[in-house]
Amino acid sequence: MTQVVLNISNKKKWDALKAILDQMKIDYFAQDSTEIISERELELLHQAENDKENGKVNTYINHRDILGL
């Protein structure tokens, strides 16, 4: 089994994703992140998102590019 963790902060996005998962007949389990993520973790998550938007983080293409293969 493969597990994927998604942090979705927008109800519209969750509703759209849920519809896609249902259509594809993919089982999922949803939890409210306020129970799981502390305020500090949430702050770090927002900081990481801002870093990505501001070009401070390189996007991952594939392992071959990283290794120069």
C-alpha atoms as a PDB file:
ATOM      1  CA  MET A   1       0.000   0.000   0.000  1.00  0.00           C
ATOM      2  CA  THR A   2       1.202   3.509  -0.753  1.00  0.00           C
ATOM      3  CA  GLN A   3       0.348   6.424   1.481  1.00  0.00           C
ATOM      4  CA  VAL A   4       0.308  10.065   0.461  1.00  0.00           C
ATOM      5  CA  VAL A   5      -0.077  12.967   2.869  1.00  0.00           C
ATOM      6  CA  LEU A   6      -1.535  16.185   1.489  1.00  0.00           C
ATOM      7  CA  ASN A   7      -1.896  19.478   3.303  1.00  0.00           C
ATOM      8  CA  ILE A   8      -4.844  21.304   1.775  1.00  0.00           C
ATOM      9  CA  SER A   9      -5.753  24.659   3.251  1.00  0.00           C
ATOM     10  CA  ASN A  10      -8.689  25.462   0.990  1.00  0.00           C
ATOM     11  CA  LYS A  11     -12.094  23.755   1.240  1.00  0.00           C
ATOM     12  CA  LYS A  12     -12.793  24.243  -2.497  1.00  0.00           C
ATOM     13  CA  LYS A  13      -9.555  22.461  -3.383  1.00  0.00           C
ATOM     14  CA  TRP A  14     -10.401  19.610  -1.008  1.00  0.00           C
ATOM     15  CA  ASP A  15     -13.882  19.262  -2.493  1.00  0.00           C
ATOM     16  CA  ALA A  16     -12.404  19.096  -6.011  1.00  0.00           C
ATOM     17  CA  LEU A  17      -9.769  16.567  -4.999  1.00  0.00           C
ATOM     18  CA  LYS A  18     -12.330  14.477  -3.131  1.00  0.00           C
ATOM     19  CA  ALA A  19     -14.510  14.338  -6.253  1.00  0.00           C
ATOM     20  CA  ILE A  20     -11.546  13.142  -8.324  1.00  0.00           C
ATOM     21  CA  LEU A  21     -10.599  10.475  -5.780  1.00  0.00           C
ATOM     22  CA  ASP A  22     -14.193   9.268  -5.626  1.00  0.00           C
ATOM     23  CA  GLN A  23     -14.434   9.140  -9.427  1.00  0.00           C
ATOM     24  CA  MET A  24     -11.208   7.123  -9.595  1.00  0.00           C
ATOM     25  CA  LYS A  25     -12.472   4.839  -6.800  1.00  0.00           C
ATOM     26  CA  ILE A  26      -9.414   5.600  -4.651  1.00  0.00           C
ATOM     27  CA  ASP A  27      -9.864   5.087  -0.924  1.00  0.00           C
ATOM     28  CA  TYR A  28      -8.817   7.998   1.255  1.00  0.00           C
ATOM     29  CA  PHE A  29      -8.825   9.050   4.854  1.00  0.00           C
ATOM     30  CA  ALA A  30      -9.150  12.722   5.777  1.00  0.00           C
ATOM     31  CA  GLN A  31      -8.191  14.321   9.056  1.00  0.00           C
ATOM     32  CA  ASP A  32      -8.506  17.886  10.228  1.00  0.00           C
ATOM     33  CA  SER A  33      -4.969  19.257  10.323  1.00  0.00           C
ATOM     34  CA  THR A  34      -5.617  21.403  13.367  1.00  0.00           C
ATOM     35  CA  GLU A  35      -5.504  18.209  15.417  1.00  0.00           C
ATOM     36  CA  ILE A  36      -2.220  17.051  13.900  1.00  0.00           C
ATOM     37  CA  ILE A  37      -0.121  20.120  13.099  1.00  0.00           C
ATOM     38  CA  SER A  38       1.081  22.431  15.840  1.00  0.00           C
ATOM     39  CA  GLU A  39       1.162  26.188  15.340  1.00  0.00           C
ATOM     40  CA  ARG A  40       4.950  26.068  14.873  1.00  0.00           C
ATOM     41  CA  GLU A  41       4.677  23.327  12.240  1.00  0.00           C
ATOM     42  CA  LEU A  42       1.982  25.306  10.437  1.00  0.00           C
ATOM     43  CA  GLU A  43       4.198  28.408  10.529  1.00  0.00           C
ATOM     44  CA  LEU A  44       7.103  26.418   9.048  1.00  0.00           C
ATOM     45  CA  LEU A  45       4.809  25.027   6.357  1.00  0.00           C
ATOM     46  CA  HIS A  46       3.715  28.535   5.332  1.00  0.00           C
ATOM     47  CA  GLN A  47       7.340  29.699   5.371  1.00  0.00           C
ATOM     48  CA  ALA A  48       8.311  26.802   3.080  1.00  0.00           C
ATOM     49  CA  GLU A  49       5.449  27.636   0.705  1.00  0.00           C
ATOM     50  CA  ASN A  50       6.572  31.270   0.605  1.00  0.00           C
ATOM     51  CA  ASP A  51      10.182  30.216  -0.076  1.00  0.00           C
ATOM     52  CA  LYS A  52       9.007  28.109  -3.024  1.00  0.00           C
ATOM     53  CA  GLU A  53       6.860  30.924  -4.428  1.00  0.00           C
ATOM     54  CA  ASN A  54       9.763  33.380  -4.121  1.00  0.00           C
ATOM     55  CA  GLY A  55      12.166  31.088  -5.980  1.00  0.00           C
ATOM     56  CA  LYS A  56      14.294  30.281  -2.937  1.00  0.00           C
ATOM     57  CA  VAL A  57      13.822  26.537  -3.475  1.00  0.00           C
ATOM     58  CA  ASN A  58      14.862  24.513  -6.501  1.00  0.00           C
ATOM     59  CA  THR A  59      12.153  22.285  -7.871  1.00  0.00           C
ATOM     60  CA  TYR A  60      12.904  18.590  -8.154  1.00  0.00           C
ATOM     61  CA  ILE A  61      12.868  17.321 -11.714  1.00  0.00           C
ATOM     62  CA  ASN A  62      14.216  13.782 -11.374  1.00  0.00           C
ATOM     63  CA  HIS A  63      17.072  11.903  -9.789  1.00  0.00           C
ATOM     64  CA  ARG A  64      19.013  11.625 -13.051  1.00  0.00           C
ATOM     65  CA  ASP A  65      19.282  15.407 -13.360  1.00  0.00           C
ATOM     66  CA  ILE A  66      20.459  15.686  -9.761  1.00  0.00           C
ATOM     67  CA  LEU A  67      23.117  12.995 -10.305  1.00  0.00           C
ATOM     68  CA  GLY A  68      24.062  14.398 -13.705  1.00  0.00           C
ATOM     69  CA  LEU A  69      23.225  11.173 -15.543  1.00  0.00           C
END
